[in-house]
PDB file of N, CA and C in Angstrom:
ATOM      1  N   UNK A   1       6.016  -8.114 -18.455  1.00  0.00           N
ATOM      2  CA  UNK A   1       5.562  -8.971 -19.535  1.00  0.00           C
ATOM      3  C   UNK A   1       4.291  -9.719 -19.124  1.00  0.00           C
ATOM      4  N   UNK A   2       4.329 -10.333 -17.936  1.00  0.00           N
ATOM      5  CA  UNK A   2       3.176 -11.114 -17.485  1.00  0.00           C
ATOM      6  C   UNK A   2       1.979 -10.227 -17.158  1.00  0.00           C
ATOM      7  N   UNK A   3       2.240  -8.994 -16.764  1.00  0.00           N
ATOM      8  CA  UNK A   3       1.154  -8.102 -16.342  1.00  0.00           C
ATOM      9  C   UNK A   3       0.092  -7.960 -17.425  1.00  0.00           C
ATOM     10  N   UNK A   4       0.505  -7.655 -18.644  1.00  0.00           N
ATOM     11  CA  UNK A   4      -0.461  -7.459 -19.729  1.00  0.00           C
ATOM     12  C   UNK A   4      -1.211  -8.748 -20.062  1.00  0.00           C
ATOM     13  N   UNK A   5      -0.498  -9.874 -20.039  1.00  0.00           N
ATOM     14  CA  UNK A   5      -1.139 -11.158 -20.361  1.00  0.00           C
ATOM     15  C   UNK A   5      -2.146 -11.561 -19.283  1.00  0.00           C
ATOM     16  N   UNK A   6      -1.776 -11.356 -18.023  1.00  0.00           N
ATOM     17  CA  UNK A   6      -2.685 -11.683 -16.919  1.00  0.00           C
ATOM     18  C   UNK A   6      -3.888 -10.746 -16.947  1.00  0.00           C
ATOM     19  N   UNK A   7      -3.643  -9.475 -17.256  1.00  0.00           N
ATOM     20  CA  UNK A   7      -4.738  -8.503 -17.356  1.00  0.00           C
ATOM     21  C   UNK A   7      -5.728  -8.914 -18.443  1.00  0.00           C
ATOM     22  N   UNK A   8      -5.228  -9.278 -19.607  1.00  0.00           N
ATOM     23  CA  UNK A   8      -6.090  -9.696 -20.716  1.00  0.00           C
ATOM     24  C   UNK A   8      -6.911 -10.923 -20.334  1.00  0.00           C
ATOM     25  N   UNK A   9      -6.259 -11.884 -19.682  1.00  0.00           N
ATOM     26  CA  UNK A   9      -6.948 -13.100 -19.252  1.00  0.00           C
ATOM     27  C   UNK A   9      -8.029 -12.768 -18.223  1.00  0.00           C
ATOM     28  N   UNK A  10      -7.696 -11.901 -17.290  1.00  0.00           N
ATOM     29  CA  UNK A  10      -8.646 -11.485 -16.253  1.00  0.00           C
ATOM     30  C   UNK A  10      -9.869 -10.815 -16.879  1.00  0.00           C
ATOM     31  N   UNK A  11      -9.639  -9.939 -17.828  1.00  0.00           N
ATOM     32  CA  UNK A  11     -10.742  -9.250 -18.519  1.00  0.00           C
ATOM     33  C   UNK A  11     -11.630 -10.269 -19.229  1.00  0.00           C
ATOM     34  N   UNK A  12     -11.008 -11.254 -19.883  1.00  0.00           N
ATOM     35  CA  UNK A  12     -11.770 -12.278 -20.612  1.00  0.00           C
ATOM     36  C   UNK A  12     -12.569 -13.169 -19.657  1.00  0.00           C
ATOM     37  N   UNK A  13     -11.905 -13.681 -18.614  1.00  0.00           N
ATOM     38  CA  UNK A  13     -12.548 -14.617 -17.691  1.00  0.00           C
ATOM     39  C   UNK A  13     -13.697 -13.950 -16.931  1.00  0.00           C
ATOM     40  N   UNK A  14     -13.483 -12.699 -16.516  1.00  0.00           N
ATOM     41  CA  UNK A  14     -14.508 -12.003 -15.734  1.00  0.00           C
ATOM     42  C   UNK A  14     -15.482 -11.215 -16.602  1.00  0.00           C
ATOM     43  N   UNK A  15     -15.247 -11.235 -17.921  1.00  0.00           N
ATOM     44  CA  UNK A  15     -16.103 -10.489 -18.859  1.00  0.00           C
ATOM     45  C   UNK A  15     -16.230  -9.028 -18.437  1.00  0.00           C
ATOM     46  N   UNK A  16     -15.076  -8.412 -18.166  1.00  0.00           N
ATOM     47  CA  UNK A  16     -15.068  -7.021 -17.702  1.00  0.00           C
ATOM     48  C   UNK A  16     -15.287  -6.029 -18.835  1.00  0.00           C
ATOM     49  N   UNK A  17     -14.978  -6.445 -20.064  1.00  0.00           N
ATOM     50  CA  UNK A  17     -15.165  -5.549 -21.195  1.00  0.00           C
ATOM     51  C   UNK A  17     -14.238  -4.349 -21.115  1.00  0.00           C
ATOM     52  N   UNK A  18     -14.646  -3.231 -21.724  1.00  0.00           N
ATOM     53  CA  UNK A  18     -13.796  -2.040 -21.783  1.00  0.00           C
ATOM     54  C   UNK A  18     -13.373  -1.504 -20.419  1.00  0.00           C
ATOM     55  N   UNK A  19     -14.210  -1.690 -19.396  1.00  0.00           N
ATOM     56  CA  UNK A  19     -13.842  -1.188 -18.068  1.00  0.00           C
ATOM     57  C   UNK A  19     -12.581  -1.860 -17.537  1.00  0.00           C
ATOM     58  N   UNK A  20     -12.326  -3.082 -17.998  1.00  0.00           N
ATOM     59  CA  UNK A  20     -11.135  -3.806 -17.564  1.00  0.00           C
ATOM     60  C   UNK A  20      -9.841  -3.191 -18.049  1.00  0.00           C
ATOM     61  N   UNK A  21      -9.916  -2.422 -19.131  1.00  0.00           N
ATOM     62  CA  UNK A  21      -8.707  -1.796 -19.670  1.00  0.00           C
ATOM     63  C   UNK A  21      -8.096  -0.790 -18.690  1.00  0.00           C
ATOM     64  N   UNK A  22      -8.889  -0.290 -17.759  1.00  0.00           N
ATOM     65  CA  UNK A  22      -8.393   0.695 -16.787  1.00  0.00           C
ATOM     66  C   UNK A  22      -7.552   0.051 -15.682  1.00  0.00           C
ATOM     67  N   UNK A  23      -7.564  -1.271 -15.606  1.00  0.00           N
ATOM     68  CA  UNK A  23      -6.790  -1.955 -14.568  1.00  0.00           C
ATOM     69  C   UNK A  23      -5.298  -1.753 -14.794  1.00  0.00           C
ATOM     70  N   UNK A  24      -4.573  -1.525 -13.683  1.00  0.00           N
ATOM     71  CA  UNK A  24      -3.115  -1.480 -13.754  1.00  0.00           C
ATOM     72  C   UNK A  24      -2.545  -2.321 -12.618  1.00  0.00           C
ATOM     73  N   UNK A  25      -1.232  -2.319 -12.466  1.00  0.00           N
ATOM     74  CA  UNK A  25      -0.579  -3.190 -11.489  1.00  0.00           C
ATOM     75  C   UNK A  25      -1.076  -2.955 -10.068  1.00  0.00           C
ATOM     76  N   UNK A  26      -1.480  -1.737  -9.759  1.00  0.00           N
ATOM     77  CA  UNK A  26      -1.915  -1.398  -8.402  1.00  0.00           C
ATOM     78  C   UNK A  26      -3.415  -1.562  -8.189  1.00  0.00           C
ATOM     79  N   UNK A  27      -4.136  -1.986  -9.231  1.00  0.00           N
ATOM     80  CA  UNK A  27      -5.592  -2.139  -9.113  1.00  0.00           C
ATOM     81  C   UNK A  27      -5.927  -3.277  -8.154  1.00  0.00           C
ATOM     82  N   UNK A  28      -6.722  -2.986  -7.121  1.00  0.00           N
ATOM     83  CA  UNK A  28      -7.136  -4.053  -6.204  1.00  0.00           C
ATOM     84  C   UNK A  28      -8.105  -5.012  -6.896  1.00  0.00           C
ATOM     85  N   UNK A  29      -7.981  -6.288  -6.582  1.00  0.00           N
ATOM     86  CA  UNK A  29      -8.835  -7.307  -7.203  1.00  0.00           C
ATOM     87  C   UNK A  29      -9.829  -7.870  -6.201  1.00  0.00           C
ATOM     88  N   UNK A  30      -9.356  -8.777  -5.345  1.00  0.00           N
ATOM     89  CA  UNK A  30     -10.235  -9.478  -4.417  1.00  0.00           C
ATOM     90  C   UNK A  30     -10.905  -8.488  -3.474  1.00  0.00           C
ATOM     91  N   UNK A  31     -12.222  -8.495  -3.463  1.00  0.00           N
ATOM     92  CA  UNK A  31     -12.967  -7.571  -2.617  1.00  0.00           C
ATOM     93  C   UNK A  31     -13.312  -6.274  -3.304  1.00  0.00           C
ATOM     94  N   UNK A  32     -12.662  -5.998  -4.420  1.00  0.00           N
ATOM     95  CA  UNK A  32     -12.918  -4.749  -5.148  1.00  0.00           C
ATOM     96  C   UNK A  32     -13.652  -4.987  -6.457  1.00  0.00           C
ATOM     97  N   UNK A  33     -13.440  -6.148  -7.056  1.00  0.00           N
ATOM     98  CA  UNK A  33     -14.149  -6.497  -8.286  1.00  0.00           C
ATOM     99  C   UNK A  33     -15.281  -7.450  -7.932  1.00  0.00           C
ATOM    100  N   UNK A  34     -16.529  -6.987  -8.023  1.00  0.00           N
ATOM    101  CA  UNK A  34     -17.642  -7.881  -7.680  1.00  0.00           C
ATOM    102  C   UNK A  34     -17.680  -9.134  -8.550  1.00  0.00           C
ATOM    103  N   UNK A  35     -17.123  -9.046  -9.759  1.00  0.00           N
ATOM    104  CA  UNK A  35     -17.105 -10.208 -10.659  1.00  0.00           C
ATOM    105  C   UNK A  35     -16.181 -11.322 -10.156  1.00  0.00           C
ATOM    106  N   UNK A  36     -15.212 -10.943  -9.304  1.00  0.00           N
ATOM    107  CA  UNK A  36     -14.221 -11.924  -8.834  1.00  0.00           C
ATOM    108  C   UNK A  36     -14.726 -12.602  -7.564  1.00  0.00           C
ATOM    109  N   UNK A  37     -15.684 -13.521  -7.749  1.00  0.00           N
ATOM    110  CA  UNK A  37     -16.180 -14.292  -6.617  1.00  0.00           C
ATOM    111  C   UNK A  37     -15.437 -15.625  -6.558  1.00  0.00           C
ATOM    112  N   UNK A  38     -15.829 -16.475  -5.636  1.00  0.00           N
ATOM    113  CA  UNK A  38     -15.089 -17.727  -5.444  1.00  0.00           C
ATOM    114  C   UNK A  38     -15.095 -18.605  -6.694  1.00  0.00           C
ATOM    115  N   UNK A  39     -16.212 -18.653  -7.407  1.00  0.00           N
ATOM    116  CA  UNK A  39     -16.261 -19.449  -8.635  1.00  0.00           C
ATOM    117  C   UNK A  39     -15.366 -18.842  -9.717  1.00  0.00           C
ATOM    118  N   UNK A  40     -15.334 -17.528  -9.786  1.00  0.00           N
ATOM    119  CA  UNK A  40     -14.487 -16.853 -10.771  1.00  0.00           C
ATOM    120  C   UNK A  40     -13.010 -17.100 -10.468  1.00  0.00           C
ATOM    121  N   UNK A  41     -12.653 -17.160  -9.190  1.00  0.00           N
ATOM    122  CA  UNK A  41     -11.263 -17.444  -8.811  1.00  0.00           C
ATOM    123  C   UNK A  41     -10.861 -18.826  -9.329  1.00  0.00           C
ATOM    124  N   UNK A  42     -11.743 -19.813  -9.154  1.00  0.00           N
ATOM    125  CA  UNK A  42     -11.466 -21.175  -9.630  1.00  0.00           C
ATOM    126  C   UNK A  42     -11.299 -21.178 -11.154  1.00  0.00           C
ATOM    127  N   UNK A  43     -12.191 -20.492 -11.850  1.00  0.00           N
ATOM    128  CA  UNK A  43     -12.118 -20.410 -13.314  1.00  0.00           C
ATOM    129  C   UNK A  43     -10.836 -19.714 -13.750  1.00  0.00           C
ATOM    130  N   UNK A  44     -10.502 -18.620 -13.057  1.00  0.00           N
ATOM    131  CA  UNK A  44      -9.296 -17.852 -13.382  1.00  0.00           C
ATOM    132  C   UNK A  44      -8.042 -18.700 -13.169  1.00  0.00           C
ATOM    133  N   UNK A  45      -7.996 -19.448 -12.087  1.00  0.00           N
ATOM    134  CA  UNK A  45      -6.831 -20.304 -11.819  1.00  0.00           C
ATOM    135  C   UNK A  45      -6.660 -21.325 -12.941  1.00  0.00           C
ATOM    136  N   UNK A  46      -7.759 -21.931 -13.375  1.00  0.00           N
ATOM    137  CA  UNK A  46      -7.692 -22.885 -14.477  1.00  0.00           C
ATOM    138  C   UNK A  46      -7.189 -22.233 -15.753  1.00  0.00           C
ATOM    139  N   UNK A  47      -7.660 -21.025 -16.018  1.00  0.00           N
ATOM    140  CA  UNK A  47      -7.230 -20.301 -17.219  1.00  0.00           C
ATOM    141  C   UNK A  47      -5.752 -19.936 -17.140  1.00  0.00           C
ATOM    142  N   UNK A  48      -5.289 -19.536 -15.960  1.00  0.00           N
ATOM    143  CA  UNK A  48      -3.869 -19.197 -15.781  1.00  0.00           C
ATOM    144  C   UNK A  48      -3.000 -20.437 -15.996  1.00  0.00           C
ATOM    145  N   UNK A  49      -3.443 -21.568 -15.452  1.00  0.00           N
ATOM    146  CA  UNK A  49      -2.675 -22.811 -15.622  1.00  0.00           C
ATOM    147  C   UNK A  49      -2.562 -23.179 -17.096  1.00  0.00           C
ATOM    148  N   UNK A  50      -3.672 -23.052 -17.804  1.00  0.00           N
ATOM    149  CA  UNK A  50      -3.684 -23.402 -19.223  1.00  0.00           C
ATOM    150  C   UNK A  50      -2.847 -22.425 -20.048  1.00  0.00           C
ATOM    151  N   UNK A  51      -3.026 -21.132 -19.811  1.00  0.00           N
ATOM    152  CA  UNK A  51      -2.351 -20.092 -20.596  1.00  0.00           C
ATOM    153  C   UNK A  51      -0.832 -20.131 -20.415  1.00  0.00           C
ATOM    154  N   UNK A  52      -0.395 -20.333 -19.162  1.00  0.00           N
ATOM    155  CA  UNK A  52       1.039 -20.210 -18.869  1.00  0.00           C
ATOM    156  C   UNK A  52       1.733 -21.549 -18.626  1.00  0.00           C
ATOM    157  N   UNK A  53       0.981 -22.655 -18.729  1.00  0.00           N
ATOM    158  CA  UNK A  53       1.587 -23.973 -18.552  1.00  0.00           C
ATOM    159  C   UNK A  53       2.136 -24.182 -17.157  1.00  0.00           C
ATOM    160  N   UNK A  54       1.408 -23.694 -16.151  1.00  0.00           N
ATOM    161  CA  UNK A  54       1.853 -23.819 -14.761  1.00  0.00           C
ATOM    162  C   UNK A  54       0.846 -24.661 -13.984  1.00  0.00           C
ATOM    163  N   UNK A  55       1.271 -25.141 -12.830  1.00  0.00           N
ATOM    164  CA  UNK A  55       0.380 -25.850 -11.915  1.00  0.00           C
ATOM    165  C   UNK A  55       0.261 -25.006 -10.652  1.00  0.00           C
ATOM    166  N   UNK A  56      -0.972 -24.745 -10.254  1.00  0.00           N
ATOM    167  CA  UNK A  56      -1.211 -23.948  -9.052  1.00  0.00           C
ATOM    168  C   UNK A  56      -1.868 -24.851  -8.022  1.00  0.00           C
ATOM    169  N   UNK A  57      -1.159 -25.074  -6.922  1.00  0.00           N
ATOM    170  CA  UNK A  57      -1.684 -25.909  -5.840  1.00  0.00           C
ATOM    171  C   UNK A  57      -2.575 -25.068  -4.931  1.00  0.00           C
ATOM    172  N   UNK A  58      -3.479 -25.737  -4.238  1.00  0.00           N
ATOM    173  CA  UNK A  58      -4.352 -25.030  -3.299  1.00  0.00           C
ATOM    174  C   UNK A  58      -3.534 -24.258  -2.270  1.00  0.00           C
ATOM    175  N   UNK A  59      -2.391 -24.833  -1.862  1.00  0.00           N
ATOM    176  CA  UNK A  59      -1.541 -24.191  -0.861  1.00  0.00           C
ATOM    177  C   UNK A  59      -0.918 -22.899  -1.375  1.00  0.00           C
ATOM    178  N   UNK A  60      -0.841 -22.745  -2.715  1.00  0.00           N
ATOM    179  CA  UNK A  60      -0.228 -21.557  -3.313  1.00  0.00           C
ATOM    180  C   UNK A  60      -1.155 -20.349  -3.250  1.00  0.00           C
ATOM    181  N   UNK A  61      -2.437 -20.616  -3.068  1.00  0.00           N
ATOM    182  CA  UNK A  61      -3.429 -19.558  -3.222  1.00  0.00           C
ATOM    183  C   UNK A  61      -3.709 -18.884  -1.881  1.00  0.00           C
ATOM    184  N   UNK A  62      -3.569 -17.564  -1.872  1.00  0.00           N
ATOM    185  CA  UNK A  62      -3.893 -16.798  -0.669  1.00  0.00           C
ATOM    186  C   UNK A  62      -4.533 -15.485  -1.103  1.00  0.00           C
ATOM    187  N   UNK A  63      -5.099 -14.794  -0.140  1.00  0.00           N
ATOM    188  CA  UNK A  63      -5.720 -13.505  -0.447  1.00  0.00           C
ATOM    189  C   UNK A  63      -4.685 -12.545  -1.009  1.00  0.00           C
ATOM    190  N   UNK A  64      -3.440 -12.640  -0.529  1.00  0.00           N
ATOM    191  CA  UNK A  64      -2.404 -11.716  -1.005  1.00  0.00           C
ATOM    192  C   UNK A  64      -2.074 -11.949  -2.479  1.00  0.00           C
ATOM    193  N   UNK A  65      -2.227 -13.194  -2.946  1.00  0.00           N
ATOM    194  CA  UNK A  65      -1.990 -13.495  -4.361  1.00  0.00           C
ATOM    195  C   UNK A  65      -2.950 -12.704  -5.244  1.00  0.00           C
ATOM    196  N   UNK A  66      -4.199 -12.605  -4.795  1.00  0.00           N
ATOM    197  CA  UNK A  66      -5.240 -11.918  -5.560  1.00  0.00           C
ATOM    198  C   UNK A  66      -5.492 -10.497  -5.055  1.00  0.00           C
ATOM    199  N   UNK A  67      -4.530  -9.956  -4.309  1.00  0.00           N
ATOM    200  CA  UNK A  67      -4.678  -8.619  -3.741  1.00  0.00           C
ATOM    201  C   UNK A  67      -4.770  -7.546  -4.822  1.00  0.00           C
ATOM    202  N   UNK A  68      -3.813  -7.558  -5.749  1.00  0.00           N
ATOM    203  CA  UNK A  68      -3.800  -6.586  -6.854  1.00  0.00           C
ATOM    204  C   UNK A  68      -3.467  -7.315  -8.151  1.00  0.00           C
ATOM    205  N   UNK A  69      -3.681  -6.637  -9.257  1.00  0.00           N
ATOM    206  CA  UNK A  69      -3.300  -7.212 -10.546  1.00  0.00           C
ATOM    207  C   UNK A  69      -1.802  -7.477 -10.570  1.00  0.00           C
ATOM    208  N   UNK A  70      -1.027  -6.584 -10.003  1.00  0.00           N
ATOM    209  CA  UNK A  70       0.430  -6.746  -9.945  1.00  0.00           C
ATOM    210  C   UNK A  70       0.849  -7.962  -9.140  1.00  0.00           C
ATOM    211  N   UNK A  71       0.196  -8.181  -7.987  1.00  0.00           N
ATOM    212  CA  UNK A  71       0.556  -9.342  -7.154  1.00  0.00           C
ATOM    213  C   UNK A  71       0.203 -10.642  -7.866  1.00  0.00           C
ATOM    214  N   UNK A  72      -0.889 -10.643  -8.601  1.00  0.00           N
ATOM    215  CA  UNK A  72      -1.275 -11.830  -9.360  1.00  0.00           C
ATOM    216  C   UNK A  72      -0.287 -12.089 -10.500  1.00  0.00           C
ATOM    217  N   UNK A  73       0.117 -11.040 -11.188  1.00  0.00           N
ATOM    218  CA  UNK A  73       1.095 -11.176 -12.280  1.00  0.00           C
ATOM    219  C   UNK A  73       2.447 -11.648 -11.744  1.00  0.00           C
ATOM    220  N   UNK A  74       2.851 -11.121 -10.588  1.00  0.00           N
ATOM    221  CA  UNK A  74       4.115 -11.545  -9.968  1.00  0.00           C
ATOM    222  C   UNK A  74       4.064 -13.027  -9.589  1.00  0.00           C
ATOM    223  N   UNK A  75       2.909 -13.444  -9.070  1.00  0.00           N
ATOM    224  CA  UNK A  75       2.715 -14.847  -8.700  1.00  0.00           C
ATOM    225  C   UNK A  75       2.865 -15.744  -9.936  1.00  0.00           C
ATOM    226  N   UNK A  76       2.213 -15.361 -11.030  1.00  0.00           N
ATOM    227  CA  UNK A  76       2.284 -16.140 -12.269  1.00  0.00           C
ATOM    228  C   UNK A  76       3.726 -16.190 -12.786  1.00  0.00           C
ATOM    229  N   UNK A  77       4.421 -15.062 -12.730  1.00  0.00           N
ATOM    230  CA  UNK A  77       5.810 -15.005 -13.188  1.00  0.00           C
ATOM    231  C   UNK A  77       6.691 -15.940 -12.360  1.00  0.00           C
ATOM    232  N   UNK A  78       6.469 -15.964 -11.055  1.00  0.00           N
ATOM    233  CA  UNK A  78       7.254 -16.830 -10.174  1.00  0.00           C
ATOM    234  C   UNK A  78       6.960 -18.299 -10.458  1.00  0.00           C
ATOM    235  N   UNK A  79       5.693 -18.642 -10.705  1.00  0.00           N
ATOM    236  CA  UNK A  79       5.327 -20.026 -11.009  1.00  0.00           C
ATOM    237  C   UNK A  79       5.882 -20.467 -12.362  1.00  0.00           C
ATOM    238  N   UNK A  80       5.955 -19.536 -13.296  1.00  0.00           N
ATOM    239  CA  UNK A  80       6.406 -19.871 -14.656  1.00  0.00           C
ATOM    240  C   UNK A  80       7.928 -19.937 -14.756  1.00  0.00           C
ATOM    241  N   UNK A  81       8.615 -19.388 -13.777  1.00  0.00           N
ATOM    242  CA  UNK A  81      10.086 -19.329 -13.809  1.00  0.00           C
ATOM    243  C   UNK A  81      10.706 -20.720 -13.643  1.00  0.00           C
TER     244      UNK A  81
END
C-alpha cells in the first residue's frame, strides 16, 4: 500500500516525470538517482511527514532507509504503524 504512495511522492518531489513510473520496490535510490541529493532528501522527508502524518527524527535516517524504493516504503509503513 505504502509503496505506490511513496513512489508517487518521490516522482513529484524529484520531478522525475514519466521515467519515475519505471521505479519498483527494488529500484536503488541513494547514489543511483542523481536528482536525490542532500537537499532533495530533506525536501522528501518533509513531504513524507506531511503526507503520512509521521515524524522523522534525524536519528531515524540512514543510507539503508534510502537504499531502495522498497526500503523507503517499509520505513514509512513502520513509522505510520
